């Protein structure tokens, strides 16, 4: 049972973004190309983000004397720095792809599919790692590790295996829950970055970076201060707010579109939109026209 639950968690992490992409593709009539571009965008951002964290940010944190930060203000500063790093690299990557690669992508539905791919590939990769960790844990379960692990790491390895197998099932499922919440965030972030282009206001990009930094910082601080359950609860609230952003921006996009009856043929629609000679017919003339 414990193996099955852990396998379900890993498979859900992989399946959730694919199900979301399928729903968006069918309901919004958007292609999987945007999902794939979003996935590549995330991977590309990490090519620069991860080395920056390892070679620059970690040195800065060490210089500030915050390497051992575990609570309070020091932990909050570290969480904010890591959150800001994620926000800058991922949201700037989104912006550059919109500007340089996806020049024709400007609609609400297209941005959602792009965001689903961006956050989806992260979930898929983490699901793959969770699957690999499960296979390793099964292989090492009940096995004498003394001949497989260096002596200085033996106790740590035993402790990690103990924690892994004694975790309750609902704790194990937090991985899939968190990925679902994170996908909601990525949908909202992709829409916020798109506003920077469609509205020609860079402040929207700054807003997306700040939103990303805040969500990540709160998650890191909460898990280090109050534990995983509180952290996931706060991420869940962020997911709800992300969905509010998503549907608010959809409403605004809808208000900007001209309302034209779908029953009119395309040629008549173009005439109504473009011909300045057509004017509204007074009611009395409309009555006369019935008998001419």
Protein backbone atom coordinates (compact mmCIF):
# COMPACT_ATOMS: atom_id res chain seq x y z
CA UNK A 1 0.00 0.00 0.00
CA UNK A 2 2.76 2.45 0.88
CA UNK A 3 4.48 1.75 -2.45
CA UNK A 4 1.20 2.20 -4.34
CA UNK A 5 0.45 5.57 -2.74
CA UNK A 6 3.92 6.88 -3.55
CA UNK A 7 3.62 5.65 -7.12
CA UNK A 8 0.21 7.32 -7.49
CA UNK A 9 1.66 10.59 -6.23
CA UNK A 10 4.49 10.46 -8.79
CA UNK A 11 2.16 9.53 -11.66
CA UNK A 12 -0.26 12.31 -10.74
CA UNK A 13 2.55 14.84 -10.87
CA UNK A 14 3.17 13.73 -14.45
CA UNK A 15 -0.48 13.37 -15.45
CA UNK A 16 -1.97 16.61 -14.06
CA UNK A 17 -0.27 18.98 -16.54
CA UNK A 18 -1.04 16.65 -19.45
CA UNK A 19 -4.71 16.54 -18.48
CA UNK A 20 -4.75 20.33 -18.16
CA UNK A 21 -3.16 20.68 -21.59
CA UNK A 22 -5.76 18.34 -23.09
CA UNK A 23 -8.62 20.35 -21.58
CA UNK A 24 -7.21 23.64 -22.82
CA UNK A 25 -6.57 22.23 -26.29
CA UNK A 26 -10.14 20.97 -26.64
CA UNK A 27 -12.06 23.79 -25.02
CA UNK A 28 -10.02 26.78 -26.16
CA UNK A 29 -8.93 25.41 -29.55
CA UNK A 30 -5.24 26.04 -28.91
CA UNK A 31 -2.45 23.81 -30.17
CA UNK A 32 0.04 21.73 -28.23
CA UNK A 33 2.85 23.72 -29.83
CA UNK A 34 2.37 26.40 -27.16
CA UNK A 35 2.59 23.76 -24.44
CA UNK A 36 5.89 22.57 -25.87
CA UNK A 37 7.24 26.11 -26.22
CA UNK A 38 6.29 26.78 -22.61
CA UNK A 39 8.13 23.63 -21.54
CA UNK A 40 11.26 24.63 -23.44
CA UNK A 41 11.02 28.12 -21.94
CA UNK A 42 11.09 26.72 -18.42
CA UNK A 43 14.04 24.46 -19.16
CA UNK A 44 15.88 27.32 -20.85
CA UNK A 45 15.33 29.59 -17.85
CA UNK A 46 16.82 26.95 -15.56
CA UNK A 47 19.97 26.75 -17.68
CA UNK A 48 20.77 30.22 -16.35
CA UNK A 49 18.81 30.17 -13.10
CA UNK A 50 20.41 27.14 -11.45
CA UNK A 51 24.03 28.19 -12.10
CA UNK A 52 23.20 31.68 -10.83
CA UNK A 53 21.84 30.22 -7.60
CA UNK A 54 24.87 27.95 -7.18
CA UNK A 55 27.64 30.32 -8.15
CA UNK A 56 26.30 33.79 -7.34
CA UNK A 57 23.33 33.76 -4.98
CA UNK A 58 24.75 31.14 -2.63
CA UNK A 59 27.96 33.16 -2.34
CA UNK A 60 25.94 36.28 -1.59
CA UNK A 61 23.99 34.48 1.12
CA UNK A 62 27.23 33.20 2.59
CA UNK A 63 28.70 36.72 2.50
CA UNK A 64 25.62 37.99 4.38
CA UNK A 65 26.13 35.29 7.00
CA UNK A 66 22.78 33.67 6.26
CA UNK A 67 23.96 30.20 5.25
CA UNK A 68 22.60 28.63 8.44
CA UNK A 69 19.39 30.70 8.52
CA UNK A 70 16.60 28.51 9.89
CA UNK A 71 14.00 30.92 11.28
CA UNK A 72 12.89 34.49 11.67
CA UNK A 73 14.18 37.43 9.63
CA UNK A 74 17.32 35.63 8.33
CA UNK A 75 15.19 32.84 6.85
CA UNK A 76 12.76 35.40 5.40
CA UNK A 77 15.63 37.20 3.67
CA UNK A 78 16.99 33.97 2.22
CA UNK A 79 13.51 32.92 1.05
CA UNK A 80 12.94 36.30 -0.58
CA UNK A 81 16.29 36.20 -2.38
CA UNK A 82 15.62 32.74 -3.78
CA UNK A 83 12.07 33.72 -4.68
CA UNK A 84 13.27 36.84 -6.48
CA UNK A 85 15.85 34.79 -8.36
CA UNK A 86 13.13 32.44 -9.61
CA UNK A 87 10.87 35.32 -10.54
CA UNK A 88 13.48 37.21 -12.53
CA UNK A 89 14.76 34.26 -14.56
CA UNK A 90 11.43 32.58 -15.27
CA UNK A 91 9.32 35.67 -15.97
CA UNK A 92 11.97 37.38 -18.08
CA UNK A 93 12.27 34.13 -20.04
CA UNK A 94 8.50 34.17 -20.60
CA UNK A 95 8.66 37.79 -21.73
CA UNK A 96 11.50 37.18 -24.19
CA UNK A 97 9.74 34.18 -25.74
CA UNK A 98 6.55 36.22 -26.18
CA UNK A 99 8.54 39.01 -27.84
CA UNK A 100 10.87 36.97 -30.00
CA UNK A 101 9.25 33.59 -30.65
CA UNK A 102 5.51 33.85 -30.01
CA UNK A 103 4.81 37.13 -31.81
CA UNK A 104 1.36 35.90 -32.85
CA UNK A 105 0.35 34.77 -29.35
CA UNK A 106 -1.71 37.51 -27.76
CA UNK A 107 -4.94 35.86 -26.56
CA UNK A 108 -6.07 34.62 -23.16
CA UNK A 109 -6.34 30.98 -24.21
CA UNK A 110 -2.95 30.92 -25.90
CA UNK A 111 -1.28 32.37 -22.81
CA UNK A 112 -2.91 29.69 -20.67
CA UNK A 113 -1.53 26.89 -22.85
CA UNK A 114 1.91 28.50 -22.78
CA UNK A 115 1.72 28.70 -18.98
CA UNK A 116 0.50 25.11 -18.73
CA UNK A 117 3.60 23.97 -20.59
CA UNK A 118 5.91 26.15 -18.51
CA UNK A 119 4.62 24.84 -15.19
CA UNK A 120 3.73 21.45 -16.61
CA UNK A 121 7.23 20.39 -17.57
CA UNK A 122 8.38 21.26 -14.05
CA UNK A 123 5.71 18.95 -12.64
CA UNK A 124 6.63 16.20 -15.11
CA UNK A 125 10.33 16.43 -14.26
CA UNK A 126 9.60 16.36 -10.53
CA UNK A 127 7.26 13.43 -11.06
CA UNK A 128 10.05 11.60 -12.86
CA UNK A 129 12.41 12.29 -9.96
CA UNK A 130 9.77 11.09 -7.49
CA UNK A 131 9.42 7.86 -9.50
CA UNK A 132 13.18 7.37 -9.51
CA UNK A 133 13.34 8.01 -5.75
CA UNK A 134 10.61 5.41 -5.21
CA UNK A 135 12.51 2.78 -7.19
CA UNK A 136 15.64 3.52 -5.22
CA UNK A 137 13.81 3.35 -1.90
CA UNK A 138 12.26 0.01 -2.85
CA UNK A 139 15.64 -1.36 -3.91
CA UNK A 140 17.29 -0.28 -0.65
CA UNK A 141 14.41 -1.30 1.64
CA UNK A 142 15.51 -3.95 4.09
CA UNK A 143 18.99 -4.09 2.58
CA UNK A 144 22.23 -3.72 4.50
CA UNK A 145 23.54 -0.36 3.29
CA UNK A 146 26.99 -0.70 4.80
CA UNK A 147 28.40 -2.15 1.61
CA UNK A 148 26.60 0.33 -0.66
CA UNK A 149 27.03 3.70 1.04
CA UNK A 150 30.25 5.41 2.23
CA UNK A 151 30.66 5.06 6.02
CA UNK A 152 30.37 8.82 6.65
CA UNK A 153 26.97 8.87 4.88
CA UNK A 154 25.59 5.61 6.26
CA UNK A 155 23.57 7.04 9.14
CA UNK A 156 22.18 9.81 6.97
CA UNK A 157 21.06 7.32 4.33
CA UNK A 158 19.35 5.14 6.94
CA UNK A 159 17.59 8.16 8.44
CA UNK A 160 16.37 9.29 5.01
CA UNK A 161 14.96 5.87 4.23
CA UNK A 162 13.24 5.76 7.61
CA UNK A 163 11.62 9.14 7.02
CA UNK A 164 10.59 8.16 3.50
CA UNK A 165 8.82 4.94 4.49
CA UNK A 166 7.25 6.16 7.74
CA UNK A 167 5.60 9.25 6.22
CA UNK A 168 1.78 8.93 6.26
CA UNK A 169 -0.01 8.54 2.94
CA UNK A 170 -1.55 12.02 3.00
CA UNK A 171 1.88 13.56 3.48
CA UNK A 172 3.13 11.56 0.51
CA UNK A 173 0.38 13.00 -1.69
CA UNK A 174 1.47 16.60 -1.02
CA UNK A 175 3.77 16.44 -4.03
CA UNK A 176 0.87 16.10 -6.49
CA UNK A 177 -1.20 18.68 -4.60
CA UNK A 178 1.62 21.21 -4.73
CA UNK A 179 2.10 20.70 -8.48
CA UNK A 180 -1.60 21.35 -9.06
CA UNK A 181 -1.35 24.56 -7.04
CA UNK A 182 1.84 25.58 -8.87
CA UNK A 183 0.15 25.12 -12.24
CA UNK A 184 -2.51 27.64 -11.21
CA UNK A 185 0.26 30.10 -10.44
CA UNK A 186 1.99 29.53 -13.78
CA UNK A 187 -1.26 30.21 -15.65
CA UNK A 188 -1.61 33.56 -13.90
CA UNK A 189 2.06 34.47 -14.40
CA UNK A 190 1.89 33.80 -18.14
CA UNK A 191 -1.13 36.09 -18.41
CA UNK A 192 0.52 38.84 -16.37
CA UNK A 193 3.62 38.80 -18.56
CA UNK A 194 1.46 38.91 -21.68
CA UNK A 195 -0.13 42.14 -20.41
CA UNK A 196 3.30 43.78 -20.50
CA UNK A 197 3.26 43.25 -24.26
CA UNK A 198 -0.38 43.76 -25.20
CA UNK A 199 -0.74 46.86 -23.01
CA UNK A 200 2.84 48.02 -23.68
CA UNK A 201 3.45 48.55 -19.97
CA UNK A 202 6.59 46.95 -18.49
CA UNK A 203 5.06 47.34 -15.03
CA UNK A 204 3.10 44.15 -15.72
CA UNK A 205 6.37 42.23 -16.09
CA UNK A 206 7.54 43.67 -12.77
CA UNK A 207 4.21 42.58 -11.26
CA UNK A 208 4.70 39.03 -12.55
CA UNK A 209 8.23 38.92 -11.13
CA UNK A 210 7.00 40.22 -7.78
CA UNK A 211 4.12 37.74 -7.69
CA UNK A 212 6.50 34.87 -8.46
CA UNK A 213 8.97 36.02 -5.82
CA UNK A 214 6.24 36.37 -3.20
CA UNK A 215 4.76 32.91 -3.77
CA UNK A 216 8.14 31.19 -3.68
CA UNK A 217 9.37 33.17 -0.68
CA UNK A 218 6.23 32.45 1.34
CA UNK A 219 6.49 28.73 0.53
CA UNK A 220 10.17 28.54 1.53
CA UNK A 221 9.67 30.53 4.71
CA UNK A 222 6.55 28.60 5.73
CA UNK A 223 8.04 25.16 5.25
CA UNK A 224 11.09 26.14 7.30
CA UNK A 225 9.02 27.77 10.04
CA UNK A 226 5.70 25.93 10.34
CA UNK A 227 6.16 22.77 8.31
CA UNK A 228 4.83 21.27 5.08
CA UNK A 229 1.11 21.38 5.89
CA UNK A 230 1.02 25.11 6.59
CA UNK A 231 3.23 25.75 3.57
CA UNK A 232 0.87 23.83 1.29
CA UNK A 233 -2.10 25.67 2.77
CA UNK A 234 -0.51 29.02 1.91
CA UNK A 235 0.39 27.79 -1.57
CA UNK A 236 -3.24 26.75 -1.94
CA UNK A 237 -4.37 30.29 -1.10
CA UNK A 238 -1.92 31.60 -3.69
CA UNK A 239 -3.44 29.17 -6.21
CA UNK A 240 -6.93 30.54 -5.52
CA UNK A 241 -5.67 34.09 -5.99
CA UNK A 242 -3.95 32.97 -9.19
CA UNK A 243 -7.26 31.67 -10.53
CA UNK A 244 -8.86 35.01 -9.65
CA UNK A 245 -6.16 36.71 -11.76
CA UNK A 246 -6.80 34.28 -14.61
CA UNK A 247 -10.55 34.87 -14.80
CA UNK A 248 -10.29 38.61 -14.16
CA UNK A 249 -7.96 39.01 -17.12
CA UNK A 250 -10.27 36.87 -19.24
CA UNK A 251 -13.16 39.20 -18.44
CA UNK A 252 -11.10 42.24 -19.37
CA UNK A 253 -10.03 40.67 -22.64
CA UNK A 254 -13.63 39.85 -23.42
CA UNK A 255 -14.74 43.44 -22.79
CA UNK A 256 -12.19 44.69 -25.30
CA UNK A 257 -13.58 42.54 -28.12
CA UNK A 258 -16.33 43.88 -30.44
CA UNK A 259 -19.64 42.10 -29.93
CA UNK A 260 -20.97 40.92 -33.31
CA UNK A 261 -23.83 38.44 -33.79
CA UNK A 262 -22.44 35.10 -34.87
CA UNK A 263 -25.34 34.54 -37.25
CA UNK A 264 -24.19 37.28 -39.65
CA UNK A 265 -22.08 36.12 -42.60
CA UNK A 266 -18.45 37.17 -42.62
CA UNK A 267 -18.96 39.62 -45.49
CA UNK A 268 -21.75 41.43 -43.65
CA UNK A 269 -19.63 41.56 -40.49
CA UNK A 270 -16.84 43.26 -42.41
CA UNK A 271 -19.27 45.75 -43.91
CA UNK A 272 -20.71 46.59 -40.49
CA UNK A 273 -17.22 47.07 -39.07
CA UNK A 274 -15.57 49.00 -41.89
CA UNK A 275 -18.09 50.81 -44.08
CA UNK A 276 -18.51 54.38 -42.75
CA UNK A 277 -21.36 55.06 -45.20
CA UNK A 278 -23.73 52.80 -43.33
CA UNK A 279 -25.72 54.74 -40.80
CA UNK A 280 -28.49 53.87 -38.41
CA UNK A 281 -31.94 53.94 -39.99
CA UNK A 282 -34.56 56.01 -38.08
CA UNK A 283 -37.56 54.09 -36.83
CA UNK A 284 -40.03 55.94 -39.13
CA UNK A 285 -37.94 55.14 -42.19
CA UNK A 286 -37.73 51.54 -41.09
CA UNK A 287 -41.53 51.35 -41.07
CA UNK A 288 -41.70 52.82 -44.60
CA UNK A 289 -39.10 50.43 -45.90
CA UNK A 290 -41.33 47.45 -45.20
CA UNK A 291 -43.58 48.33 -48.16
CA UNK A 292 -41.06 49.58 -50.72
